[in-house]
């Protein structure tokens, strides 16, 4: 009996140690199969899209997009490289995210209000609005999670004034069946884990040379500007536009990739979407340059 208890205690300790090691360890970088320094195509967008803030694919040859000042939906033709349709769906406002679900396009206003445009390519479209009640004042990321039949909504910064949330970033889910927001976030990202990932994988990111407490730490704020789920790998891509950083996570929230984007190509990346074949598109606001749409073909193994 004593021997049995000893073996049970021995294996229990191994199990606990393995779990703690796995929890505290940082995974190595996983390739994302894009060459982010060599785009396959750069589209120069028209002046009316200077403030382009969100994009979503509609088919293999076009995307729907918004800009953050007017309630206008734009359909952009990737072949003809021009806007082929545009119309007002609502009054002016700070519109930041867009996602397509079949024949409905959902648009996120920064205060958390969602607008659903059904039959969005028809002049007879119908509009519905949903007050999500998300506990954040500045929301920018929106994408469709097809496997869970939900929209993911990402606040730009931490939530609330509590010090324990200062280094946390959240993503909430809006259930498309109930049309309700989940009470708790479905993703919680810890900045300390992200910074550790950058250090241990020797990823070139700006370093903090200020206060002693944070000296020689990666200067990462993780201020979400756009999110998207890859259609082939089902990994979550997150842009931090002002930092020109791209993060990639698995659907359990574990970080798998990070890259500082070339400022010559990515003036201020504010939108991301994927075509069904895996090609990635990232949109950039104009700032002091012209607005652009940068395309990267998916490099299949």
C-alpha atoms as a PDB file:
ATOM      1  CA  UNK A   1       0.000   0.000   0.000  1.00  0.00           C
ATOM      2  CA  UNK A   2       2.850   2.385   0.886  1.00  0.00           C
ATOM      3  CA  UNK A   3       4.472   1.668  -2.462  1.00  0.00           C
ATOM      4  CA  UNK A   4       1.188   2.496  -4.240  1.00  0.00           C
ATOM      5  CA  UNK A   5       0.905   5.830  -2.427  1.00  0.00           C
ATOM      6  CA  UNK A   6       4.525   6.595  -3.274  1.00  0.00           C
ATOM      7  CA  UNK A   7       3.952   5.904  -6.976  1.00  0.00           C
ATOM      8  CA  UNK A   8       0.758   7.977  -6.978  1.00  0.00           C
ATOM      9  CA  UNK A   9       2.573  10.911  -5.327  1.00  0.00           C
ATOM     10  CA  UNK A  10       5.513  10.556  -7.742  1.00  0.00           C
ATOM     11  CA  UNK A  11       3.388  10.646 -10.906  1.00  0.00           C
ATOM     12  CA  UNK A  12       1.194  13.453  -9.525  1.00  0.00           C
ATOM     13  CA  UNK A  13       4.252  15.626  -9.031  1.00  0.00           C
ATOM     14  CA  UNK A  14       5.477  14.864 -12.550  1.00  0.00           C
ATOM     15  CA  UNK A  15       2.061  15.845 -13.918  1.00  0.00           C
ATOM     16  CA  UNK A  16       2.002  19.131 -11.965  1.00  0.00           C
ATOM     17  CA  UNK A  17       5.575  19.977 -12.986  1.00  0.00           C
ATOM     18  CA  UNK A  18       4.841  19.253 -16.647  1.00  0.00           C
ATOM     19  CA  UNK A  19       1.785  21.478 -16.596  1.00  0.00           C
ATOM     20  CA  UNK A  20       3.658  24.318 -14.897  1.00  0.00           C
ATOM     21  CA  UNK A  21       6.536  24.002 -17.343  1.00  0.00           C
ATOM     22  CA  UNK A  22       4.172  24.057 -20.298  1.00  0.00           C
ATOM     23  CA  UNK A  23       2.288  27.039 -18.898  1.00  0.00           C
ATOM     24  CA  UNK A  24       5.434  29.093 -18.296  1.00  0.00           C
ATOM     25  CA  UNK A  25       7.383  28.062 -21.373  1.00  0.00           C
ATOM     26  CA  UNK A  26       7.379  30.069 -24.576  1.00  0.00           C
ATOM     27  CA  UNK A  27       6.730  28.246 -27.792  1.00  0.00           C
ATOM     28  CA  UNK A  28       9.065  28.726 -30.767  1.00  0.00           C
ATOM     29  CA  UNK A  29       7.964  30.770 -33.767  1.00  0.00           C
ATOM     30  CA  UNK A  30       5.662  29.015 -36.239  1.00  0.00           C
ATOM     31  CA  UNK A  31       5.905  30.127 -39.855  1.00  0.00           C
ATOM     32  CA  UNK A  32       2.926  31.971 -41.342  1.00  0.00           C
ATOM     33  CA  UNK A  33       3.856  31.337 -45.009  1.00  0.00           C
ATOM     34  CA  UNK A  34       4.048  34.952 -46.135  1.00  0.00           C
ATOM     35  CA  UNK A  35       7.057  37.043 -47.104  1.00  0.00           C
ATOM     36  CA  UNK A  36       6.061  40.302 -45.456  1.00  0.00           C
ATOM     37  CA  UNK A  37       8.996  42.231 -46.915  1.00  0.00           C
ATOM     38  CA  UNK A  38       8.022  41.373 -50.493  1.00  0.00           C
ATOM     39  CA  UNK A  39       4.354  42.033 -51.349  1.00  0.00           C
ATOM     40  CA  UNK A  40       2.871  40.469 -54.474  1.00  0.00           C
ATOM     41  CA  UNK A  41       0.781  43.544 -55.192  1.00  0.00           C
ATOM     42  CA  UNK A  42       0.292  47.070 -53.855  1.00  0.00           C
ATOM     43  CA  UNK A  43      -2.981  48.794 -54.707  1.00  0.00           C
ATOM     44  CA  UNK A  44      -3.022  52.572 -54.498  1.00  0.00           C
ATOM     45  CA  UNK A  45      -6.463  53.439 -53.175  1.00  0.00           C
ATOM     46  CA  UNK A  46      -8.491  56.534 -54.105  1.00  0.00           C
ATOM     47  CA  UNK A  47      -8.532  59.697 -51.988  1.00  0.00           C
ATOM     48  CA  UNK A  48     -12.000  58.887 -50.629  1.00  0.00           C
ATOM     49  CA  UNK A  49     -10.409  55.959 -48.766  1.00  0.00           C
ATOM     50  CA  UNK A  50      -7.710  58.045 -47.074  1.00  0.00           C
ATOM     51  CA  UNK A  51      -9.148  57.019 -43.700  1.00  0.00           C
ATOM     52  CA  UNK A  52      -9.716  53.351 -44.611  1.00  0.00           C
ATOM     53  CA  UNK A  53     -10.220  51.545 -41.323  1.00  0.00           C
ATOM     54  CA  UNK A  54     -11.493  48.046 -42.102  1.00  0.00           C
ATOM     55  CA  UNK A  55     -11.667  45.503 -44.921  1.00  0.00           C
ATOM     56  CA  UNK A  56     -13.298  42.124 -45.534  1.00  0.00           C
ATOM     57  CA  UNK A  57     -13.296  39.837 -48.549  1.00  0.00           C
ATOM     58  CA  UNK A  58     -16.517  39.418 -50.509  1.00  0.00           C
ATOM     59  CA  UNK A  59     -15.196  37.104 -53.227  1.00  0.00           C
ATOM     60  CA  UNK A  60     -11.956  36.269 -55.040  1.00  0.00           C
ATOM     61  CA  UNK A  61     -11.927  39.591 -56.885  1.00  0.00           C
ATOM     62  CA  UNK A  62     -13.377  42.173 -54.484  1.00  0.00           C
ATOM     63  CA  UNK A  63     -13.447  43.400 -50.904  1.00  0.00           C
ATOM     64  CA  UNK A  64     -15.841  45.492 -48.845  1.00  0.00           C
ATOM     65  CA  UNK A  65     -14.335  48.327 -46.852  1.00  0.00           C
ATOM     66  CA  UNK A  66     -15.156  51.264 -44.610  1.00  0.00           C
ATOM     67  CA  UNK A  67     -13.446  54.452 -43.488  1.00  0.00           C
ATOM     68  CA  UNK A  68     -13.623  55.885 -40.025  1.00  0.00           C
ATOM     69  CA  UNK A  69     -15.495  59.124 -40.611  1.00  0.00           C
ATOM     70  CA  UNK A  70     -18.591  58.369 -42.696  1.00  0.00           C
ATOM     71  CA  UNK A  71     -21.231  55.650 -42.650  1.00  0.00           C
ATOM     72  CA  UNK A  72     -20.404  54.524 -46.188  1.00  0.00           C
ATOM     73  CA  UNK A  73     -19.865  50.969 -47.401  1.00  0.00           C
ATOM     74  CA  UNK A  74     -17.431  50.633 -50.315  1.00  0.00           C
ATOM     75  CA  UNK A  75     -17.003  47.636 -52.623  1.00  0.00           C
ATOM     76  CA  UNK A  76     -13.520  47.651 -54.164  1.00  0.00           C
ATOM     77  CA  UNK A  77     -12.674  45.671 -57.307  1.00  0.00           C
ATOM     78  CA  UNK A  78      -9.241  44.016 -57.000  1.00  0.00           C
ATOM     79  CA  UNK A  79      -8.991  43.362 -60.745  1.00  0.00           C
ATOM     80  CA  UNK A  80     -10.081  46.770 -62.047  1.00  0.00           C
ATOM     81  CA  UNK A  81      -8.447  48.449 -59.032  1.00  0.00           C
ATOM     82  CA  UNK A  82     -11.323  50.816 -58.403  1.00  0.00           C
ATOM     83  CA  UNK A  83     -14.401  51.326 -56.268  1.00  0.00           C
ATOM     84  CA  UNK A  84     -17.276  49.663 -58.080  1.00  0.00           C
ATOM     85  CA  UNK A  85     -20.029  50.566 -55.617  1.00  0.00           C
ATOM     86  CA  UNK A  86     -20.578  52.726 -52.564  1.00  0.00           C
ATOM     87  CA  UNK A  87     -23.562  53.832 -50.500  1.00  0.00           C
ATOM     88  CA  UNK A  88     -24.488  55.299 -47.136  1.00  0.00           C
ATOM     89  CA  UNK A  89     -25.728  52.744 -44.640  1.00  0.00           C
ATOM     90  CA  UNK A  90     -25.891  55.063 -41.605  1.00  0.00           C
ATOM     91  CA  UNK A  91     -24.965  58.534 -40.373  1.00  0.00           C
ATOM     92  CA  UNK A  92     -21.380  59.709 -39.896  1.00  0.00           C
ATOM     93  CA  UNK A  93     -19.427  58.060 -37.101  1.00  0.00           C
ATOM     94  CA  UNK A  94     -16.180  56.382 -36.104  1.00  0.00           C
ATOM     95  CA  UNK A  95     -16.449  53.062 -37.974  1.00  0.00           C
ATOM     96  CA  UNK A  96     -13.498  50.761 -37.364  1.00  0.00           C
ATOM     97  CA  UNK A  97     -14.181  47.099 -38.192  1.00  0.00           C
ATOM     98  CA  UNK A  98     -15.972  45.078 -40.850  1.00  0.00           C
ATOM     99  CA  UNK A  99     -16.677  41.371 -41.360  1.00  0.00           C
ATOM    100  CA  UNK A 100     -18.734  39.409 -43.868  1.00  0.00           C
ATOM    101  CA  UNK A 101     -20.999  36.517 -42.882  1.00  0.00           C
ATOM    102  CA  UNK A 102     -22.570  35.044 -46.039  1.00  0.00           C
ATOM    103  CA  UNK A 103     -24.814  37.782 -47.488  1.00  0.00           C
ATOM    104  CA  UNK A 104     -24.533  40.031 -44.462  1.00  0.00           C
ATOM    105  CA  UNK A 105     -21.761  42.523 -43.734  1.00  0.00           C
ATOM    106  CA  UNK A 106     -21.287  43.560 -40.094  1.00  0.00           C
ATOM    107  CA  UNK A 107     -19.720  46.913 -39.286  1.00  0.00           C
ATOM    108  CA  UNK A 108     -18.313  47.901 -35.894  1.00  0.00           C
ATOM    109  CA  UNK A 109     -18.495  51.448 -34.591  1.00  0.00           C
ATOM    110  CA  UNK A 110     -15.826  52.307 -32.047  1.00  0.00           C
ATOM    111  CA  UNK A 111     -18.376  52.615 -29.219  1.00  0.00           C
ATOM    112  CA  UNK A 112     -19.284  48.928 -29.641  1.00  0.00           C
ATOM    113  CA  UNK A 113     -22.419  49.369 -31.756  1.00  0.00           C
ATOM    114  CA  UNK A 114     -22.763  46.742 -34.497  1.00  0.00           C
ATOM    115  CA  UNK A 115     -24.582  47.270 -37.792  1.00  0.00           C
ATOM    116  CA  UNK A 116     -25.654  44.331 -39.954  1.00  0.00           C
ATOM    117  CA  UNK A 117     -26.252  45.013 -43.664  1.00  0.00           C
ATOM    118  CA  UNK A 118     -28.076  42.072 -45.275  1.00  0.00           C
ATOM    119  CA  UNK A 119     -27.949  41.783 -49.078  1.00  0.00           C
ATOM    120  CA  UNK A 120     -25.169  44.361 -48.907  1.00  0.00           C
ATOM    121  CA  UNK A 121     -24.600  44.457 -52.682  1.00  0.00           C
ATOM    122  CA  UNK A 122     -28.239  45.200 -53.428  1.00  0.00           C
ATOM    123  CA  UNK A 123     -29.973  48.585 -53.463  1.00  0.00           C
ATOM    124  CA  UNK A 124     -32.684  46.855 -51.405  1.00  0.00           C
ATOM    125  CA  UNK A 125     -30.367  46.030 -48.499  1.00  0.00           C
ATOM    126  CA  UNK A 126     -31.754  45.836 -44.971  1.00  0.00           C
ATOM    127  CA  UNK A 127     -30.049  47.323 -41.928  1.00  0.00           C
ATOM    128  CA  UNK A 128     -30.131  46.092 -38.338  1.00  0.00           C
ATOM    129  CA  UNK A 129     -28.242  47.490 -35.352  1.00  0.00           C
ATOM    130  CA  UNK A 130     -27.103  45.826 -32.135  1.00  0.00           C
ATOM    131  CA  UNK A 131     -25.924  47.456 -28.925  1.00  0.00           C
ATOM    132  CA  UNK A 132     -23.289  44.981 -27.756  1.00  0.00           C
ATOM    133  CA  UNK A 133     -22.648  46.489 -24.336  1.00  0.00           C
ATOM    134  CA  UNK A 134     -18.945  45.700 -24.634  1.00  0.00           C
ATOM    135  CA  UNK A 135     -17.106  47.194 -21.619  1.00  0.00           C
ATOM    136  CA  UNK A 136     -14.709  49.302 -23.719  1.00  0.00           C
ATOM    137  CA  UNK A 137     -15.036  52.756 -25.255  1.00  0.00           C
ATOM    138  CA  UNK A 138     -12.628  52.273 -28.162  1.00  0.00           C
ATOM    139  CA  UNK A 139     -13.157  49.102 -30.215  1.00  0.00           C
ATOM    140  CA  UNK A 140     -11.416  48.477 -33.532  1.00  0.00           C
ATOM    141  CA  UNK A 141     -11.043  44.787 -34.386  1.00  0.00           C
ATOM    142  CA  UNK A 142     -13.862  42.720 -35.910  1.00  0.00           C
ATOM    143  CA  UNK A 143     -13.817  39.357 -37.678  1.00  0.00           C
ATOM    144  CA  UNK A 144     -15.990  36.302 -38.302  1.00  0.00           C
ATOM    145  CA  UNK A 145     -15.173  33.074 -36.454  1.00  0.00           C
ATOM    146  CA  UNK A 146     -16.936  30.587 -38.716  1.00  0.00           C
ATOM    147  CA  UNK A 147     -16.274  27.502 -36.608  1.00  0.00           C
ATOM    148  CA  UNK A 148     -17.998  29.015 -33.577  1.00  0.00           C
ATOM    149  CA  UNK A 149     -20.584  31.062 -35.537  1.00  0.00           C
ATOM    150  CA  UNK A 150     -19.631  34.275 -33.797  1.00  0.00           C
ATOM    151  CA  UNK A 151     -18.047  37.651 -34.381  1.00  0.00           C
ATOM    152  CA  UNK A 152     -14.893  38.518 -32.471  1.00  0.00           C
ATOM    153  CA  UNK A 153     -14.619  42.103 -31.211  1.00  0.00           C
ATOM    154  CA  UNK A 154     -11.294  43.515 -30.043  1.00  0.00           C
ATOM    155  CA  UNK A 155     -10.934  46.686 -27.957  1.00  0.00           C
ATOM    156  CA  UNK A 156      -7.926  48.805 -28.891  1.00  0.00           C
ATOM    157  CA  UNK A 157      -6.484  48.991 -25.398  1.00  0.00           C
ATOM    158  CA  UNK A 158      -6.871  47.583 -21.903  1.00  0.00           C
ATOM    159  CA  UNK A 159     -10.274  47.778 -20.234  1.00  0.00           C
ATOM    160  CA  UNK A 160     -11.110  49.733 -17.099  1.00  0.00           C
ATOM    161  CA  UNK A 161      -8.885  51.552 -14.639  1.00  0.00           C
ATOM    162  CA  UNK A 162      -7.887  48.511 -12.605  1.00  0.00           C
ATOM    163  CA  UNK A 163      -4.113  48.082 -12.440  1.00  0.00           C
ATOM    164  CA  UNK A 164      -4.412  44.317 -12.937  1.00  0.00           C
ATOM    165  CA  UNK A 165      -5.832  44.910 -16.430  1.00  0.00           C
ATOM    166  CA  UNK A 166      -3.140  47.345 -17.532  1.00  0.00           C
ATOM    167  CA  UNK A 167      -1.054  44.642 -19.187  1.00  0.00           C
ATOM    168  CA  UNK A 168      -3.983  42.569 -20.423  1.00  0.00           C
ATOM    169  CA  UNK A 169      -5.723  42.761 -23.794  1.00  0.00           C
ATOM    170  CA  UNK A 170      -9.119  41.196 -24.439  1.00  0.00           C
ATOM    171  CA  UNK A 171     -11.268  39.923 -27.280  1.00  0.00           C
ATOM    172  CA  UNK A 172     -14.999  39.382 -26.806  1.00  0.00           C
ATOM    173  CA  UNK A 173     -17.441  37.290 -28.841  1.00  0.00           C
ATOM    174  CA  UNK A 174     -20.825  38.280 -30.263  1.00  0.00           C
ATOM    175  CA  UNK A 175     -22.968  35.177 -30.778  1.00  0.00           C
ATOM    176  CA  UNK A 176     -24.682  35.315 -34.168  1.00  0.00           C
ATOM    177  CA  UNK A 177     -27.583  33.108 -33.102  1.00  0.00           C
ATOM    178  CA  UNK A 178     -28.560  34.935 -29.915  1.00  0.00           C
ATOM    179  CA  UNK A 179     -27.205  38.303 -31.085  1.00  0.00           C
ATOM    180  CA  UNK A 180     -25.671  38.738 -27.645  1.00  0.00           C
ATOM    181  CA  UNK A 181     -22.168  39.484 -26.392  1.00  0.00           C
ATOM    182  CA  UNK A 182     -20.441  36.918 -24.204  1.00  0.00           C
ATOM    183  CA  UNK A 183     -20.200  38.045 -20.590  1.00  0.00           C
ATOM    184  CA  UNK A 184     -16.499  37.235 -20.346  1.00  0.00           C
ATOM    185  CA  UNK A 185     -13.747  37.706 -22.932  1.00  0.00           C
ATOM    186  CA  UNK A 186     -12.940  34.672 -25.065  1.00  0.00           C
ATOM    187  CA  UNK A 187      -9.282  35.682 -25.430  1.00  0.00           C
ATOM    188  CA  UNK A 188      -7.053  37.242 -22.781  1.00  0.00           C
ATOM    189  CA  UNK A 189      -3.562  38.236 -23.892  1.00  0.00           C
ATOM    190  CA  UNK A 190      -0.855  38.932 -21.329  1.00  0.00           C
ATOM    191  CA  UNK A 191       1.738  41.503 -22.426  1.00  0.00           C
ATOM    192  CA  UNK A 192       4.431  39.868 -20.282  1.00  0.00           C
ATOM    193  CA  UNK A 193       4.020  36.591 -22.214  1.00  0.00           C
ATOM    194  CA  UNK A 194       4.150  38.423 -25.543  1.00  0.00           C
ATOM    195  CA  UNK A 195       7.279  40.327 -24.537  1.00  0.00           C
ATOM    196  CA  UNK A 196       8.915  37.122 -23.333  1.00  0.00           C
ATOM    197  CA  UNK A 197       8.093  35.494 -26.680  1.00  0.00           C
ATOM    198  CA  UNK A 198       9.795  38.375 -28.503  1.00  0.00           C
ATOM    199  CA  UNK A 199      12.918  38.164 -26.333  1.00  0.00           C
ATOM    200  CA  UNK A 200      13.334  34.394 -26.349  1.00  0.00           C
ATOM    201  CA  UNK A 201      12.822  34.166 -30.107  1.00  0.00           C
ATOM    202  CA  UNK A 202      15.076  37.177 -30.766  1.00  0.00           C
ATOM    203  CA  UNK A 203      12.372  39.043 -32.673  1.00  0.00           C
ATOM    204  CA  UNK A 204      13.425  42.535 -33.717  1.00  0.00           C
ATOM    205  CA  UNK A 205      11.052  44.916 -31.945  1.00  0.00           C
ATOM    206  CA  UNK A 206      11.616  48.364 -30.368  1.00  0.00           C
ATOM    207  CA  UNK A 207      13.130  48.164 -26.894  1.00  0.00           C
ATOM    208  CA  UNK A 208      12.185  50.260 -23.872  1.00  0.00           C
ATOM    209  CA  UNK A 209      15.147  52.392 -22.784  1.00  0.00           C
ATOM    210  CA  UNK A 210      13.211  54.446 -20.251  1.00  0.00           C
ATOM    211  CA  UNK A 211      12.415  53.554 -16.640  1.00  0.00           C
ATOM    212  CA  UNK A 212      14.693  51.092 -14.884  1.00  0.00           C
ATOM    213  CA  UNK A 213      11.750  48.806 -14.153  1.00  0.00           C
ATOM    214  CA  UNK A 214      11.099  48.277 -17.860  1.00  0.00           C
ATOM    215  CA  UNK A 215      14.583  48.893 -19.232  1.00  0.00           C
ATOM    216  CA  UNK A 216      15.643  46.413 -21.917  1.00  0.00           C
ATOM    217  CA  UNK A 217      12.080  45.149 -22.232  1.00  0.00           C
ATOM    218  CA  UNK A 218      10.357  45.073 -25.620  1.00  0.00           C
ATOM    219  CA  UNK A 219       8.367  48.304 -26.031  1.00  0.00           C
ATOM    220  CA  UNK A 220       5.133  46.583 -27.040  1.00  0.00           C
ATOM    221  CA  UNK A 221       1.781  48.185 -26.286  1.00  0.00           C
ATOM    222  CA  UNK A 222      -0.405  45.795 -28.315  1.00  0.00           C
ATOM    223  CA  UNK A 223      -3.055  48.314 -29.357  1.00  0.00           C
ATOM    224  CA  UNK A 224      -5.311  46.305 -31.651  1.00  0.00           C
ATOM    225  CA  UNK A 225      -6.337  47.920 -34.934  1.00  0.00           C
ATOM    226  CA  UNK A 226      -7.582  44.845 -36.824  1.00  0.00           C
ATOM    227  CA  UNK A 227      -8.103  41.094 -36.430  1.00  0.00           C
ATOM    228  CA  UNK A 228      -8.727  38.209 -38.814  1.00  0.00           C
ATOM    229  CA  UNK A 229      -8.867  34.408 -38.795  1.00  0.00           C
ATOM    230  CA  UNK A 230      -6.902  32.606 -41.487  1.00  0.00           C
ATOM    231  CA  UNK A 231      -9.245  30.482 -43.644  1.00  0.00           C
ATOM    232  CA  UNK A 232      -6.785  27.581 -44.028  1.00  0.00           C
ATOM    233  CA  UNK A 233      -4.806  27.455 -40.775  1.00  0.00           C
ATOM    234  CA  UNK A 234      -7.532  28.908 -38.496  1.00  0.00           C
ATOM    235  CA  UNK A 235      -4.989  31.044 -36.673  1.00  0.00           C
ATOM    236  CA  UNK A 236      -5.839  34.476 -35.306  1.00  0.00           C
ATOM    237  CA  UNK A 237      -3.959  37.427 -36.854  1.00  0.00           C
ATOM    238  CA  UNK A 238      -3.842  40.694 -34.882  1.00  0.00           C
ATOM    239  CA  UNK A 239      -2.516  44.049 -36.101  1.00  0.00           C
ATOM    240  CA  UNK A 240      -1.271  46.822 -33.836  1.00  0.00           C
ATOM    241  CA  UNK A 241      -1.375  49.630 -36.365  1.00  0.00           C
ATOM    242  CA  UNK A 242       0.432  52.461 -34.605  1.00  0.00           C
ATOM    243  CA  UNK A 243       3.277  50.091 -33.672  1.00  0.00           C
ATOM    244  CA  UNK A 244       3.319  48.436 -37.108  1.00  0.00           C
ATOM    245  CA  UNK A 245       3.331  45.019 -35.467  1.00  0.00           C
ATOM    246  CA  UNK A 246       1.688  41.771 -36.552  1.00  0.00           C
ATOM    247  CA  UNK A 247       0.877  39.049 -34.017  1.00  0.00           C
ATOM    248  CA  UNK A 248      -0.401  35.532 -34.735  1.00  0.00           C
ATOM    249  CA  UNK A 249      -2.054  33.272 -32.141  1.00  0.00           C
ATOM    250  CA  UNK A 250      -3.613  29.832 -32.102  1.00  0.00           C
ATOM    251  CA  UNK A 251      -7.293  29.697 -31.179  1.00  0.00           C
ATOM    252  CA  UNK A 252      -6.379  28.998 -27.558  1.00  0.00           C
ATOM    253  CA  UNK A 253      -4.684  32.383 -27.366  1.00  0.00           C
ATOM    254  CA  UNK A 254      -1.077  31.121 -27.460  1.00  0.00           C
ATOM    255  CA  UNK A 255       1.259  33.399 -29.389  1.00  0.00           C
ATOM    256  CA  UNK A 256       2.981  31.712 -32.334  1.00  0.00           C
ATOM    257  CA  UNK A 257       4.400  34.531 -34.449  1.00  0.00           C
ATOM    258  CA  UNK A 258       5.308  38.221 -34.291  1.00  0.00           C
ATOM    259  CA  UNK A 259       6.894  40.599 -36.780  1.00  0.00           C
ATOM    260  CA  UNK A 260       7.722  44.299 -36.944  1.00  0.00           C
ATOM    261  CA  UNK A 261       6.357  45.463 -40.282  1.00  0.00           C
ATOM    262  CA  UNK A 262       8.305  47.576 -42.755  1.00  0.00           C
ATOM    263  CA  UNK A 263       7.192  51.203 -42.285  1.00  0.00           C
ATOM    264  CA  UNK A 264       7.773  51.897 -45.985  1.00  0.00           C
ATOM    265  CA  UNK A 265       5.113  49.303 -46.846  1.00  0.00           C
ATOM    266  CA  UNK A 266       2.885  49.722 -43.816  1.00  0.00           C
ATOM    267  CA  UNK A 267       2.322  53.388 -43.093  1.00  0.00           C
ATOM    268  CA  UNK A 268      -0.485  52.667 -40.615  1.00  0.00           C
ATOM    269  CA  UNK A 269      -2.023  49.192 -40.994  1.00  0.00           C
ATOM    270  CA  UNK A 270      -5.669  49.377 -39.960  1.00  0.00           C
ATOM    271  CA  UNK A 271      -7.383  46.489 -41.758  1.00  0.00           C
ATOM    272  CA  UNK A 272      -6.743  42.827 -42.534  1.00  0.00           C
ATOM    273  CA  UNK A 273      -8.604  40.133 -44.456  1.00  0.00           C
ATOM    274  CA  UNK A 274      -7.948  36.861 -46.275  1.00  0.00           C
ATOM    275  CA  UNK A 275      -9.163  35.448 -49.546  1.00  0.00           C
ATOM    276  CA  UNK A 276     -10.344  31.840 -49.480  1.00  0.00           C
ATOM    277  CA  UNK A 277      -7.063  30.635 -51.014  1.00  0.00           C
ATOM    278  CA  UNK A 278      -5.139  32.136 -48.082  1.00  0.00           C
ATOM    279  CA  UNK A 279      -3.895  35.332 -49.755  1.00  0.00           C
ATOM    280  CA  UNK A 280      -3.652  38.123 -47.189  1.00  0.00           C
ATOM    281  CA  UNK A 281      -4.611  41.788 -47.676  1.00  0.00           C
ATOM    282  CA  UNK A 282      -3.637  44.586 -45.289  1.00  0.00           C
ATOM    283  CA  UNK A 283      -4.935  48.133 -45.687  1.00  0.00           C
ATOM    284  CA  UNK A 284      -3.098  51.298 -44.664  1.00  0.00           C
ATOM    285  CA  UNK A 285      -4.501  54.712 -43.848  1.00  0.00           C
ATOM    286  CA  UNK A 286      -2.998  57.583 -45.835  1.00  0.00           C
ATOM    287  CA  UNK A 287      -1.512  59.756 -43.051  1.00  0.00           C
ATOM    288  CA  UNK A 288       1.126  61.700 -45.038  1.00  0.00           C
ATOM    289  CA  UNK A 289       1.086  59.216 -47.895  1.00  0.00           C
ATOM    290  CA  UNK A 290      -1.539  57.611 -50.115  1.00  0.00           C
ATOM    291  CA  UNK A 291      -3.868  54.908 -48.758  1.00  0.00           C
ATOM    292  CA  UNK A 292      -2.797  51.452 -49.858  1.00  0.00           C
ATOM    293  CA  UNK A 293      -3.874  47.838 -49.933  1.00  0.00           C
ATOM    294  CA  UNK A 294      -0.939  45.432 -49.687  1.00  0.00           C
ATOM    295  CA  UNK A 295      -1.362  41.870 -50.943  1.00  0.00           C
ATOM    296  CA  UNK A 296       0.671  38.797 -49.971  1.00  0.00           C
ATOM    297  CA  UNK A 297       0.040  35.516 -51.738  1.00  0.00           C
ATOM    298  CA  UNK A 298      -0.093  32.502 -49.451  1.00  0.00           C
ATOM    299  CA  UNK A 299       3.034  30.362 -49.804  1.00  0.00           C
ATOM    300  CA  UNK A 300       1.789  26.804 -49.624  1.00  0.00           C
ATOM    301  CA  UNK A 301       4.184  24.239 -48.224  1.00  0.00           C
END
